[in-house]
Amino acid sequence: MAVRLPRLGRRRALLSAGAGALALALLLWWLLPMRGDESPRGRVTFATGVPTGVYETYGKMLRRDLARDLPGLHVTLQRSKGSPDNVRRLAEGRATFAIAASDAVAAYQEQGGAHADRLRACARLYDDYMQLVVAKGSKVRSARDLKGLRVGVGEDDSGVQLIAKSLLKAAGLDMDRDVHAVRKGIDQMPALLKAGKLDAFFWSGGLPTTAVRTLAHDFPIRLVQLGDLIGPLHRQGGVTRYYRAASVPADAYEDMGQQDAIKTIAVPNLLVTTDRVDPALAEAVTRTVIENRDRIGVKVHAAQKVDLRTAIFTDPLDLHTGAARYYRSVKP
């Protein structure tokens, strides 16, 4: 014989069951990742740099982390010649994000580059260090000693060539007249030096740069100090205001066996985009860059320098509104 609950009991049972279901639904809503429509979706292009350069390695690591944080976003990496090329790609709408050194951004602005006013920054990342590499037995002790030699200066439209030209000028040399300028990138210059087809090459990148480290393991090389050029370099004015005195630590390249730090110059790198990028996307990408600093730093040691306290200093660019919103959200 079925037992019939009193009407009041049935009502209480139904209310209790409904409350339990609601509580469970709220708990699941709270625990599950809140992606949905709030997570940016679509396709973006990230301009990096030459093969074996730090920019490309950084791009690969960031793409991996974006795939985890923003699964609806498809990131395509785009190789380039370096900072000046990246800035132009962004301004012309051929890239969504890129890494570019602050001097290259400033040069594009000062030269009246098309749509320069659209450029915005998401973060200051890490510094590039200028490295003048020679065979260990070379007589070159300063950039002033490069006159008449075969010197790798980076590809045209590369950040390294922008700096190399200014450094040679500070040394009293003209890149087009006083040295045999070899316009190749870091993917080719080490092999040319090892084969005796170059006497020296300039490189600007985070520490350590894989291509230089690999060369040091296979062939005896050393770095030439550039500290004696700081004064004349800054007296040139213009974009040289973004160059600061710095030192390459003695242990940056262990196989070189250098005993002391090498005086050089450094320039900040920025994560750059444009004002056409949706604020929600810029905010999400900035969050991934900052929160995955240590994870990216496993492969790109320079990325460990990314810090909330310095990331907002993106001169000569204003912060993108989405990036600014992220920094406000995490401000202590």
C-alpha atoms as a PDB file:
ATOM      1  CA  MET A   1       0.000   0.000   0.000  1.00  0.00           C
ATOM      2  CA  ALA A   2       1.558   3.341  -1.059  1.00  0.00           C
ATOM      3  CA  VAL A   3       2.235   5.846   1.666  1.00  0.00           C
ATOM      4  CA  ARG A   4       0.904   9.309   0.892  1.00  0.00           C
ATOM      5  CA  LEU A   5       2.828  12.250   2.273  1.00  0.00           C
ATOM      6  CA  PRO A   6       0.863  15.074   3.747  1.00  0.00           C
ATOM      7  CA  ARG A   7       0.474  17.974   1.299  1.00  0.00           C
ATOM      8  CA  LEU A   8       2.722  20.209   3.436  1.00  0.00           C
ATOM      9  CA  GLY A   9       5.429  17.528   3.542  1.00  0.00           C
ATOM     10  CA  ARG A  10       5.376  17.145  -0.224  1.00  0.00           C
ATOM     11  CA  ARG A  11       5.764  20.892  -0.640  1.00  0.00           C
ATOM     12  CA  ARG A  12       8.718  20.988   1.726  1.00  0.00           C
ATOM     13  CA  ALA A  13      10.343  18.064  -0.101  1.00  0.00           C
ATOM     14  CA  LEU A  14       9.951  19.782  -3.458  1.00  0.00           C
ATOM     15  CA  LEU A  15      11.317  23.076  -2.124  1.00  0.00           C
ATOM     16  CA  SER A  16      14.260  21.266  -0.544  1.00  0.00           C
ATOM     17  CA  ALA A  17      15.054  19.432  -3.776  1.00  0.00           C
ATOM     18  CA  GLY A  18      14.784  22.658  -5.789  1.00  0.00           C
ATOM     19  CA  ALA A  19      17.098  24.478  -3.383  1.00  0.00           C
ATOM     20  CA  GLY A  20      19.615  21.645  -3.629  1.00  0.00           C
ATOM     21  CA  ALA A  21      19.565  21.707  -7.419  1.00  0.00           C
ATOM     22  CA  LEU A  22      20.040  25.472  -7.404  1.00  0.00           C
ATOM     23  CA  ALA A  23      22.960  25.195  -4.995  1.00  0.00           C
ATOM     24  CA  LEU A  24      24.567  22.520  -7.167  1.00  0.00           C
ATOM     25  CA  ALA A  25      24.118  24.642 -10.286  1.00  0.00           C
ATOM     26  CA  LEU A  26      25.693  27.657  -8.566  1.00  0.00           C
ATOM     27  CA  LEU A  27      28.593  25.531  -7.370  1.00  0.00           C
ATOM     28  CA  LEU A  28      29.258  24.195 -10.880  1.00  0.00           C
ATOM     29  CA  TRP A  29      29.005  27.723 -12.312  1.00  0.00           C
ATOM     30  CA  TRP A  30      31.586  28.879  -9.778  1.00  0.00           C
ATOM     31  CA  LEU A  31      34.003  25.992 -10.294  1.00  0.00           C
ATOM     32  CA  LEU A  32      33.955  25.718 -14.080  1.00  0.00           C
ATOM     33  CA  PRO A  33      36.317  28.033 -16.049  1.00  0.00           C
ATOM     34  CA  MET A  34      34.515  31.145 -17.188  1.00  0.00           C
ATOM     35  CA  ARG A  35      35.493  31.109 -20.868  1.00  0.00           C
ATOM     36  CA  GLY A  36      32.328  31.298 -22.921  1.00  0.00           C
ATOM     37  CA  ASP A  37      31.623  34.509 -24.756  1.00  0.00           C
ATOM     38  CA  GLU A  38      33.964  36.493 -22.482  1.00  0.00           C
ATOM     39  CA  SER A  39      37.057  34.796 -23.855  1.00  0.00           C
ATOM     40  CA  PRO A  40      38.379  36.458 -27.069  1.00  0.00           C
ATOM     41  CA  ARG A  41      38.055  34.327 -30.165  1.00  0.00           C
ATOM     42  CA  GLY A  42      39.240  34.489 -33.746  1.00  0.00           C
ATOM     43  CA  ARG A  43      42.563  34.692 -35.542  1.00  0.00           C
ATOM     44  CA  VAL A  44      45.542  36.907 -34.792  1.00  0.00           C
ATOM     45  CA  THR A  45      49.000  37.220 -36.307  1.00  0.00           C
ATOM     46  CA  PHE A  46      52.099  37.665 -34.148  1.00  0.00           C
ATOM     47  CA  ALA A  47      55.165  39.057 -35.951  1.00  0.00           C
ATOM     48  CA  THR A  48      58.392  37.722 -34.430  1.00  0.00           C
ATOM     49  CA  GLY A  49      61.813  37.836 -36.095  1.00  0.00           C
ATOM     50  CA  VAL A  50      64.476  35.771 -37.812  1.00  0.00           C
ATOM     51  CA  PRO A  51      64.959  32.030 -37.190  1.00  0.00           C
ATOM     52  CA  THR A  52      67.114  31.262 -34.110  1.00  0.00           C
ATOM     53  CA  GLY A  53      66.468  34.767 -32.732  1.00  0.00           C
ATOM     54  CA  VAL A  54      64.957  35.466 -29.314  1.00  0.00           C
ATOM     55  CA  TYR A  55      61.850  37.096 -30.792  1.00  0.00           C
ATOM     56  CA  GLU A  56      60.862  33.875 -32.553  1.00  0.00           C
ATOM     57  CA  THR A  57      61.482  31.748 -29.477  1.00  0.00           C
ATOM     58  CA  TYR A  58      59.421  34.138 -27.370  1.00  0.00           C
ATOM     59  CA  GLY A  59      56.619  34.029 -29.935  1.00  0.00           C
ATOM     60  CA  LYS A  60      56.504  30.227 -29.863  1.00  0.00           C
ATOM     61  CA  MET A  61      56.324  30.154 -26.067  1.00  0.00           C
ATOM     62  CA  LEU A  62      53.638  32.827 -25.959  1.00  0.00           C
ATOM     63  CA  ARG A  63      51.555  31.036 -28.585  1.00  0.00           C
ATOM     64  CA  ARG A  64      51.597  27.906 -26.432  1.00  0.00           C
ATOM     65  CA  ASP A  65      50.384  29.808 -23.376  1.00  0.00           C
ATOM     66  CA  LEU A  66      47.718  31.672 -25.326  1.00  0.00           C
ATOM     67  CA  ALA A  67      46.404  28.335 -26.610  1.00  0.00           C
ATOM     68  CA  ARG A  68      45.857  27.298 -23.009  1.00  0.00           C
ATOM     69  CA  ASP A  69      44.485  30.607 -21.697  1.00  0.00           C
ATOM     70  CA  LEU A  70      42.435  31.574 -24.770  1.00  0.00           C
ATOM     71  CA  PRO A  71      41.429  28.341 -26.527  1.00  0.00           C
ATOM     72  CA  GLY A  72      39.159  30.191 -28.941  1.00  0.00           C
ATOM     73  CA  LEU A  73      42.066  32.223 -30.281  1.00  0.00           C
ATOM     74  CA  HIS A  74      44.151  30.943 -33.199  1.00  0.00           C
ATOM     75  CA  VAL A  75      47.636  32.501 -33.233  1.00  0.00           C
ATOM     76  CA  THR A  76      49.776  32.479 -36.379  1.00  0.00           C
ATOM     77  CA  LEU A  77      53.460  33.350 -36.009  1.00  0.00           C
ATOM     78  CA  GLN A  78      54.957  35.468 -38.761  1.00  0.00           C
ATOM     79  CA  ARG A  79      58.724  35.601 -39.248  1.00  0.00           C
ATOM     80  CA  SER A  80      60.197  38.995 -40.031  1.00  0.00           C
ATOM     81  CA  LYS A  81      63.488  40.840 -40.338  1.00  0.00           C
ATOM     82  CA  GLY A  82      63.133  42.331 -36.866  1.00  0.00           C
ATOM     83  CA  SER A  83      61.834  45.400 -35.065  1.00  0.00           C
ATOM     84  CA  PRO A  84      61.524  47.973 -37.900  1.00  0.00           C
ATOM     85  CA  ASP A  85      59.868  45.364 -40.112  1.00  0.00           C
ATOM     86  CA  ASN A  86      57.498  44.427 -37.278  1.00  0.00           C
ATOM     87  CA  VAL A  87      56.483  48.027 -36.656  1.00  0.00           C
ATOM     88  CA  ARG A  88      55.665  48.493 -40.329  1.00  0.00           C
ATOM     89  CA  ARG A  89      53.643  45.263 -40.453  1.00  0.00           C
ATOM     90  CA  LEU A  90      51.549  46.412 -37.499  1.00  0.00           C
ATOM     91  CA  ALA A  91      50.938  49.896 -38.876  1.00  0.00           C
ATOM     92  CA  GLU A  92      49.924  48.484 -42.260  1.00  0.00           C
ATOM     93  CA  GLY A  93      47.540  45.978 -40.695  1.00  0.00           C
ATOM     94  CA  ARG A  94      49.563  42.896 -41.660  1.00  0.00           C
ATOM     95  CA  ALA A  95      50.089  41.815 -38.040  1.00  0.00           C
ATOM     96  CA  THR A  96      48.015  42.016 -34.860  1.00  0.00           C
ATOM     97  CA  PHE A  97      50.789  41.879 -32.266  1.00  0.00           C
ATOM     98  CA  ALA A  98      54.586  42.055 -32.451  1.00  0.00           C
ATOM     99  CA  ILE A  99      57.707  42.540 -30.409  1.00  0.00           C
ATOM    100  CA  ALA A 100      59.666  45.660 -31.289  1.00  0.00           C
ATOM    101  CA  ALA A 101      62.489  47.600 -29.680  1.00  0.00           C
ATOM    102  CA  SER A 102      61.586  51.094 -28.508  1.00  0.00           C
ATOM    103  CA  ASP A 103      64.196  52.749 -30.763  1.00  0.00           C
ATOM    104  CA  ALA A 104      62.624  51.171 -33.861  1.00  0.00           C
ATOM    105  CA  VAL A 105      59.177  52.381 -32.806  1.00  0.00           C
ATOM    106  CA  ALA A 106      60.509  55.897 -32.219  1.00  0.00           C
ATOM    107  CA  ALA A 107      62.336  55.890 -35.567  1.00  0.00           C
ATOM    108  CA  TYR A 108      59.115  54.957 -37.370  1.00  0.00           C
ATOM    109  CA  GLN A 109      57.278  57.776 -35.625  1.00  0.00           C
ATOM    110  CA  GLU A 110      59.992  60.355 -36.303  1.00  0.00           C
ATOM    111  CA  GLN A 111      60.157  59.373 -39.968  1.00  0.00           C
ATOM    112  CA  GLY A 112      56.416  59.985 -40.327  1.00  0.00           C
ATOM    113  CA  GLY A 113      55.577  56.338 -41.002  1.00  0.00           C
ATOM    114  CA  ALA A 114      52.052  55.628 -42.239  1.00  0.00           C
ATOM    115  CA  HIS A 115      49.508  55.143 -39.433  1.00  0.00           C
ATOM    116  CA  ALA A 116      52.158  55.607 -36.739  1.00  0.00           C
ATOM    117  CA  ASP A 117      49.447  57.190 -34.581  1.00  0.00           C
ATOM    118  CA  ARG A 118      47.652  53.828 -34.416  1.00  0.00           C
ATOM    119  CA  LEU A 119      50.471  52.069 -32.588  1.00  0.00           C
ATOM    120  CA  ARG A 120      49.916  51.119 -28.958  1.00  0.00           C
ATOM    121  CA  ALA A 121      51.836  49.056 -26.406  1.00  0.00           C
ATOM    122  CA  CYS A 122      50.691  46.229 -24.149  1.00  0.00           C
ATOM    123  CA  ALA A 123      53.856  45.860 -22.066  1.00  0.00           C
ATOM    124  CA  ARG A 124      57.525  46.566 -21.722  1.00  0.00           C
ATOM    125  CA  LEU A 125      59.104  43.131 -21.909  1.00  0.00           C
ATOM    126  CA  TYR A 126      62.863  42.721 -21.570  1.00  0.00           C
ATOM    127  CA  ASP A 127      66.002  44.465 -22.835  1.00  0.00           C
ATOM    128  CA  ASP A 128      68.015  43.578 -25.904  1.00  0.00           C
ATOM    129  CA  TYR A 129      71.793  43.682 -25.450  1.00  0.00           C
ATOM    130  CA  MET A 130      74.061  44.745 -28.292  1.00  0.00           C
ATOM    131  CA  GLN A 131      76.729  42.124 -28.887  1.00  0.00           C
ATOM    132  CA  LEU A 132      79.773  42.558 -31.116  1.00  0.00           C
ATOM    133  CA  VAL A 133      81.070  39.030 -31.760  1.00  0.00           C
ATOM    134  CA  VAL A 134      84.561  38.190 -33.062  1.00  0.00           C
ATOM    135  CA  ALA A 135      86.795  35.133 -33.196  1.00  0.00           C
ATOM    136  CA  LYS A 136      88.703  34.716 -29.948  1.00  0.00           C
ATOM    137  CA  GLY A 137      92.045  35.478 -31.610  1.00  0.00           C
ATOM    138  CA  SER A 138      90.809  38.659 -33.304  1.00  0.00           C
ATOM    139  CA  LYS A 139      92.718  41.918 -32.793  1.00  0.00           C
ATOM    140  CA  VAL A 140      89.447  43.877 -32.598  1.00  0.00           C
ATOM    141  CA  ARG A 141      89.116  45.476 -29.147  1.00  0.00           C
ATOM    142  CA  SER A 142      86.667  48.235 -29.997  1.00  0.00           C
ATOM    143  CA  ALA A 143      84.201  49.043 -32.757  1.00  0.00           C
ATOM    144  CA  ARG A 144      86.794  51.608 -33.845  1.00  0.00           C
ATOM    145  CA  ASP A 145      88.976  48.693 -34.976  1.00  0.00           C
ATOM    146  CA  LEU A 146      86.413  47.509 -37.536  1.00  0.00           C
ATOM    147  CA  LYS A 147      87.564  49.838 -40.313  1.00  0.00           C
ATOM    148  CA  GLY A 148      88.122  47.915 -43.526  1.00  0.00           C
ATOM    149  CA  LEU A 149      86.802  44.647 -42.085  1.00  0.00           C
ATOM    150  CA  ARG A 150      83.918  42.406 -43.139  1.00  0.00           C
ATOM    151  CA  VAL A 151      81.210  43.131 -40.588  1.00  0.00           C
ATOM    152  CA  GLY A 152      77.789  41.509 -40.250  1.00  0.00           C
ATOM    153  CA  VAL A 153      75.335  44.328 -39.576  1.00  0.00           C
ATOM    154  CA  GLY A 154      72.014  42.488 -39.764  1.00  0.00           C
ATOM    155  CA  GLU A 155      69.448  42.459 -42.531  1.00  0.00           C
ATOM    156  CA  ASP A 156      67.978  45.646 -43.944  1.00  0.00           C
ATOM    157  CA  ASP A 157      64.907  46.651 -41.897  1.00  0.00           C
ATOM    158  CA  SER A 158      66.299  44.867 -38.847  1.00  0.00           C
ATOM    159  CA  GLY A 159      66.681  46.297 -35.378  1.00  0.00           C
ATOM    160  CA  VAL A 160      70.318  45.238 -35.179  1.00  0.00           C
ATOM    161  CA  GLN A 161      71.199  47.240 -38.291  1.00  0.00           C
ATOM    162  CA  LEU A 162      69.477  50.321 -36.865  1.00  0.00           C
ATOM    163  CA  ILE A 163      71.712  50.160 -33.786  1.00  0.00           C
ATOM    164  CA  ALA A 164      74.840  49.022 -35.642  1.00  0.00           C
ATOM    165  CA  LYS A 165      74.715  52.061 -37.909  1.00  0.00           C
ATOM    166  CA  SER A 166      74.552  54.387 -34.891  1.00  0.00           C
ATOM    167  CA  LEU A 167      77.342  52.536 -33.093  1.00  0.00           C
ATOM    168  CA  LEU A 168      79.635  52.672 -36.107  1.00  0.00           C
ATOM    169  CA  LYS A 169      78.925  56.387 -36.421  1.00  0.00           C
ATOM    170  CA  ALA A 170      79.822  56.822 -32.741  1.00  0.00           C
ATOM    171  CA  ALA A 171      83.080  55.008 -33.519  1.00  0.00           C
ATOM    172  CA  GLY A 172      83.814  57.492 -36.328  1.00  0.00           C
ATOM    173  CA  LEU A 173      82.942  55.017 -39.082  1.00  0.00           C
ATOM    174  CA  ASP A 174      80.409  55.067 -41.887  1.00  0.00           C
ATOM    175  CA  MET A 175      78.644  51.745 -42.407  1.00  0.00           C
ATOM    176  CA  ASP A 176      78.536  52.138 -46.184  1.00  0.00           C
ATOM    177  CA  ARG A 177      82.104  53.422 -46.717  1.00  0.00           C
ATOM    178  CA  ASP A 178      84.403  52.372 -43.887  1.00  0.00           C
ATOM    179  CA  VAL A 179      83.464  48.708 -43.414  1.00  0.00           C
ATOM    180  CA  HIS A 180      82.425  45.919 -45.747  1.00  0.00           C
ATOM    181  CA  ALA A 181      78.859  45.646 -44.452  1.00  0.00           C
ATOM    182  CA  VAL A 182      77.387  42.165 -44.769  1.00  0.00           C
ATOM    183  CA  ARG A 183      73.601  42.435 -44.538  1.00  0.00           C
ATOM    184  CA  LYS A 184      72.733  39.054 -43.058  1.00  0.00           C
ATOM    185  CA  GLY A 185      70.714  37.978 -40.030  1.00  0.00           C
ATOM    186  CA  ILE A 186      71.585  35.986 -36.930  1.00  0.00           C
ATOM    187  CA  ASP A 187      70.497  32.834 -38.752  1.00  0.00           C
ATOM    188  CA  GLN A 188      73.523  33.210 -41.093  1.00  0.00           C
ATOM    189  CA  MET A 189      76.158  35.401 -39.443  1.00  0.00           C
ATOM    190  CA  PRO A 190      77.534  32.816 -36.963  1.00  0.00           C
ATOM    191  CA  ALA A 191      78.235  30.316 -39.755  1.00  0.00           C
ATOM    192  CA  LEU A 192      79.920  33.022 -41.842  1.00  0.00           C
ATOM    193  CA  LEU A 193      82.187  33.987 -38.933  1.00  0.00           C
ATOM    194  CA  LYS A 194      83.060  30.353 -38.290  1.00  0.00           C
ATOM    195  CA  ALA A 195      83.874  29.841 -41.991  1.00  0.00           C
ATOM    196  CA  GLY A 196      86.186  32.860 -42.017  1.00  0.00           C
ATOM    197  CA  LYS A 197      83.876  34.879 -44.287  1.00  0.00           C
ATOM    198  CA  LEU A 198      83.209  37.499 -41.620  1.00  0.00           C
ATOM    199  CA  ASP A 199      85.608  39.294 -39.277  1.00  0.00           C
ATOM    200  CA  ALA A 200      82.903  40.341 -36.834  1.00  0.00           C
ATOM    201  CA  PHE A 201      79.174  40.675 -36.505  1.00  0.00           C
ATOM    202  CA  PHE A 202      76.724  42.767 -34.521  1.00  0.00           C
ATOM    203  CA  TRP A 203      73.717  41.256 -32.831  1.00  0.00           C
ATOM    204  CA  SER A 204      71.034  42.782 -30.631  1.00  0.00           C
ATOM    205  CA  GLY A 205      69.016  40.315 -28.579  1.00  0.00           C
ATOM    206  CA  GLY A 206      68.049  38.979 -25.199  1.00  0.00           C
ATOM    207  CA  LEU A 207      70.575  37.060 -23.136  1.00  0.00           C
ATOM    208  CA  PRO A 208      71.548  34.449 -23.939  1.00  0.00           C
ATOM    209  CA  THR A 209      70.842  34.306 -27.664  1.00  0.00           C
ATOM    210  CA  THR A 210      70.697  30.667 -28.792  1.00  0.00           C
ATOM    211  CA  ALA A 211      72.624  31.254 -32.038  1.00  0.00           C
ATOM    212  CA  VAL A 212      75.501  32.948 -30.221  1.00  0.00           C
ATOM    213  CA  ARG A 213      75.543  30.307 -27.487  1.00  0.00           C
ATOM    214  CA  THR A 214      75.656  27.523 -30.088  1.00  0.00           C
ATOM    215  CA  LEU A 215      78.505  29.252 -31.925  1.00  0.00           C
ATOM    216  CA  ALA A 216      80.463  29.635 -28.679  1.00  0.00           C
ATOM    217  CA  HIS A 217      80.103  25.909 -28.063  1.00  0.00           C
ATOM    218  CA  ASP A 218      81.455  25.020 -31.519  1.00  0.00           C
ATOM    219  CA  PHE A 219      83.983  27.796 -32.178  1.00  0.00           C
ATOM    220  CA  PRO A 220      86.177  30.032 -29.975  1.00  0.00           C
ATOM    221  CA  ILE A 221      84.655  33.515 -29.886  1.00  0.00           C
ATOM    222  CA  ARG A 222      84.475  36.509 -27.567  1.00  0.00           C
ATOM    223  CA  LEU A 223      82.457  39.696 -27.172  1.00  0.00           C
ATOM    224  CA  VAL A 224      83.970  43.127 -27.802  1.00  0.00           C
ATOM    225  CA  GLN A 225      83.175  45.893 -25.329  1.00  0.00           C
ATOM    226  CA  LEU A 226      81.084  48.812 -26.600  1.00  0.00           C
ATOM    227  CA  GLY A 227      81.188  50.911 -23.435  1.00  0.00           C
ATOM    228  CA  ASP A 228      83.624  53.416 -24.939  1.00  0.00           C
ATOM    229  CA  LEU A 229      80.897  54.532 -27.381  1.00  0.00           C
ATOM    230  CA  ILE A 230      78.194  55.550 -24.879  1.00  0.00           C
ATOM    231  CA  GLY A 231      79.093  59.244 -24.853  1.00  0.00           C
ATOM    232  CA  PRO A 232      79.385  59.804 -28.610  1.00  0.00           C
ATOM    233  CA  LEU A 233      76.337  57.593 -29.155  1.00  0.00           C
ATOM    234  CA  HIS A 234      74.080  59.743 -26.975  1.00  0.00           C
ATOM    235  CA  ARG A 235      75.410  62.933 -28.513  1.00  0.00           C
ATOM    236  CA  GLN A 236      73.807  61.860 -31.813  1.00  0.00           C
ATOM    237  CA  GLY A 237      70.378  62.543 -30.306  1.00  0.00           C
ATOM    238  CA  GLY A 238      67.192  61.122 -31.823  1.00  0.00           C
ATOM    239  CA  VAL A 239      66.448  57.495 -31.074  1.00  0.00           C
ATOM    240  CA  THR A 240      69.764  57.013 -29.263  1.00  0.00           C
ATOM    241  CA  ARG A 241      68.003  58.307 -26.135  1.00  0.00           C
ATOM    242  CA  TYR A 242      66.567  54.793 -25.799  1.00  0.00           C
ATOM    243  CA  TYR A 243      70.016  53.216 -25.443  1.00  0.00           C
ATOM    244  CA  ARG A 244      71.357  52.762 -21.931  1.00  0.00           C
ATOM    245  CA  ALA A 245      74.713  51.645 -20.638  1.00  0.00           C
ATOM    246  CA  ALA A 246      74.631  47.964 -19.674  1.00  0.00           C
ATOM    247  CA  SER A 247      76.838  44.926 -19.161  1.00  0.00           C
ATOM    248  CA  VAL A 248      76.722  41.392 -20.491  1.00  0.00           C
ATOM    249  CA  PRO A 249      77.421  39.173 -17.448  1.00  0.00           C
ATOM    250  CA  ALA A 250      80.559  37.062 -17.642  1.00  0.00           C
ATOM    251  CA  ASP A 251      78.487  33.879 -17.401  1.00  0.00           C
ATOM    252  CA  ALA A 252      75.944  34.822 -20.085  1.00  0.00           C
ATOM    253  CA  TYR A 253      77.774  32.461 -22.465  1.00  0.00           C
ATOM    254  CA  GLU A 254      79.636  29.909 -20.397  1.00  0.00           C
ATOM    255  CA  ASP A 255      81.527  28.384 -23.331  1.00  0.00           C
ATOM    256  CA  MET A 256      83.174  31.731 -24.099  1.00  0.00           C
ATOM    257  CA  GLY A 257      85.050  31.541 -20.831  1.00  0.00           C
ATOM    258  CA  GLN A 258      84.958  35.320 -20.354  1.00  0.00           C
ATOM    259  CA  GLN A 259      86.266  36.372 -16.952  1.00  0.00           C
ATOM    260  CA  ASP A 260      84.600  39.761 -16.674  1.00  0.00           C
ATOM    261  CA  ALA A 261      81.330  41.432 -17.619  1.00  0.00           C
ATOM    262  CA  ILE A 262      81.398  43.167 -21.010  1.00  0.00           C
ATOM    263  CA  LYS A 263      80.256  46.788 -21.188  1.00  0.00           C
ATOM    264  CA  THR A 264      77.697  47.407 -23.915  1.00  0.00           C
ATOM    265  CA  ILE A 265      74.346  49.100 -24.525  1.00  0.00           C
ATOM    266  CA  ALA A 266      70.796  47.828 -24.082  1.00  0.00           C
ATOM    267  CA  VAL A 267      67.408  48.845 -25.472  1.00  0.00           C
ATOM    268  CA  PRO A 268      63.925  47.934 -24.156  1.00  0.00           C
ATOM    269  CA  ASN A 269      61.572  45.654 -26.098  1.00  0.00           C
ATOM    270  CA  LEU A 270      57.845  46.320 -26.186  1.00  0.00           C
ATOM    271  CA  LEU A 271      54.834  44.146 -26.946  1.00  0.00           C
ATOM    272  CA  VAL A 272      53.147  46.300 -29.578  1.00  0.00           C
ATOM    273  CA  THR A 273      49.705  46.313 -31.180  1.00  0.00           C
ATOM    274  CA  THR A 274      47.365  48.968 -32.599  1.00  0.00           C
ATOM    275  CA  ASP A 275      44.301  50.867 -31.444  1.00  0.00           C
ATOM    276  CA  ARG A 276      42.217  48.742 -33.810  1.00  0.00           C
ATOM    277  CA  VAL A 277      42.610  45.697 -31.580  1.00  0.00           C
ATOM    278  CA  ASP A 278      39.621  44.993 -29.334  1.00  0.00           C
ATOM    279  CA  PRO A 279      40.301  46.022 -25.700  1.00  0.00           C
ATOM    280  CA  ALA A 280      39.179  42.606 -24.408  1.00  0.00           C
ATOM    281  CA  LEU A 281      41.757  40.905 -26.632  1.00  0.00           C
ATOM    282  CA  ALA A 282      44.556  43.277 -25.649  1.00  0.00           C
ATOM    283  CA  GLU A 283      43.687  42.802 -21.977  1.00  0.00           C
ATOM    284  CA  ALA A 284      43.666  39.001 -22.267  1.00  0.00           C
ATOM    285  CA  VAL A 285      46.971  38.843 -24.164  1.00  0.00           C
ATOM    286  CA  THR A 286      48.610  41.215 -21.670  1.00  0.00           C
ATOM    287  CA  ARG A 287      47.413  39.032 -18.800  1.00  0.00           C
ATOM    288  CA  THR A 288      48.940  35.922 -20.396  1.00  0.00           C
ATOM    289  CA  VAL A 289      52.256  37.715 -21.008  1.00  0.00           C
ATOM    290  CA  ILE A 290      52.550  38.870 -17.405  1.00  0.00           C
ATOM    291  CA  GLU A 291      51.205  35.775 -15.664  1.00  0.00           C
ATOM    292  CA  ASN A 292      53.343  33.365 -17.706  1.00  0.00           C
ATOM    293  CA  ARG A 293      56.611  35.226 -17.290  1.00  0.00           C
ATOM    294  CA  ASP A 294      58.347  32.390 -15.477  1.00  0.00           C
ATOM    295  CA  ARG A 295      56.984  29.700 -17.798  1.00  0.00           C
ATOM    296  CA  ILE A 296      58.232  31.577 -20.889  1.00  0.00           C
ATOM    297  CA  GLY A 297      61.458  32.349 -19.035  1.00  0.00           C
ATOM    298  CA  VAL A 298      62.388  28.666 -18.959  1.00  0.00           C
ATOM    299  CA  LYS A 299      63.292  28.961 -22.659  1.00  0.00           C
ATOM    300  CA  VAL A 300      63.659  32.746 -22.997  1.00  0.00           C
ATOM    301  CA  HIS A 301      65.698  33.680 -19.935  1.00  0.00           C
ATOM    302  CA  ALA A 302      65.341  37.388 -20.667  1.00  0.00           C
ATOM    303  CA  ALA A 303      61.559  37.068 -20.217  1.00  0.00           C
ATOM    304  CA  GLN A 304      62.113  36.576 -16.484  1.00  0.00           C
ATOM    305  CA  LYS A 305      62.764  40.328 -16.368  1.00  0.00           C
ATOM    306  CA  VAL A 306      59.126  41.116 -17.217  1.00  0.00           C
ATOM    307  CA  ASP A 307      57.660  42.802 -14.159  1.00  0.00           C
ATOM    308  CA  LEU A 308      54.406  44.574 -13.317  1.00  0.00           C
ATOM    309  CA  ARG A 309      56.355  47.503 -11.899  1.00  0.00           C
ATOM    310  CA  THR A 310      58.145  48.184 -15.188  1.00  0.00           C
ATOM    311  CA  ALA A 311      55.737  46.729 -17.767  1.00  0.00           C
ATOM    312  CA  ILE A 312      53.694  49.941 -17.897  1.00  0.00           C
ATOM    313  CA  PHE A 313      56.665  52.095 -18.973  1.00  0.00           C
ATOM    314  CA  THR A 314      56.229  51.784 -22.729  1.00  0.00           C
ATOM    315  CA  ASP A 315      57.722  55.033 -24.038  1.00  0.00           C
ATOM    316  CA  PRO A 316      57.380  56.120 -26.867  1.00  0.00           C
ATOM    317  CA  LEU A 317      53.938  54.489 -27.045  1.00  0.00           C
ATOM    318  CA  ASP A 318      50.785  54.895 -24.985  1.00  0.00           C
ATOM    319  CA  LEU A 319      49.324  51.794 -23.398  1.00  0.00           C
ATOM    320  CA  HIS A 320      46.452  50.163 -25.249  1.00  0.00           C
ATOM    321  CA  THR A 321      43.194  50.768 -23.340  1.00  0.00           C
ATOM    322  CA  GLY A 322      42.782  47.003 -22.844  1.00  0.00           C
ATOM    323  CA  ALA A 323      46.295  46.636 -21.432  1.00  0.00           C
ATOM    324  CA  ALA A 324      45.725  49.616 -19.129  1.00  0.00           C
ATOM    325  CA  ARG A 325      42.535  47.948 -17.886  1.00  0.00           C
ATOM    326  CA  TYR A 326      44.513  44.822 -16.993  1.00  0.00           C
ATOM    327  CA  TYR A 327      47.120  46.783 -15.028  1.00  0.00           C
ATOM    328  CA  ARG A 328      44.392  48.631 -13.111  1.00  0.00           C
ATOM    329  CA  SER A 329      42.754  45.315 -12.241  1.00  0.00           C
ATOM    330  CA  VAL A 330      45.904  43.937 -10.622  1.00  0.00           C
ATOM    331  CA  LYS A 331      47.094  47.142  -8.989  1.00  0.00           C
ATOM    332  CA  PRO A 332      47.674  46.521  -5.250  1.00  0.00           C
END
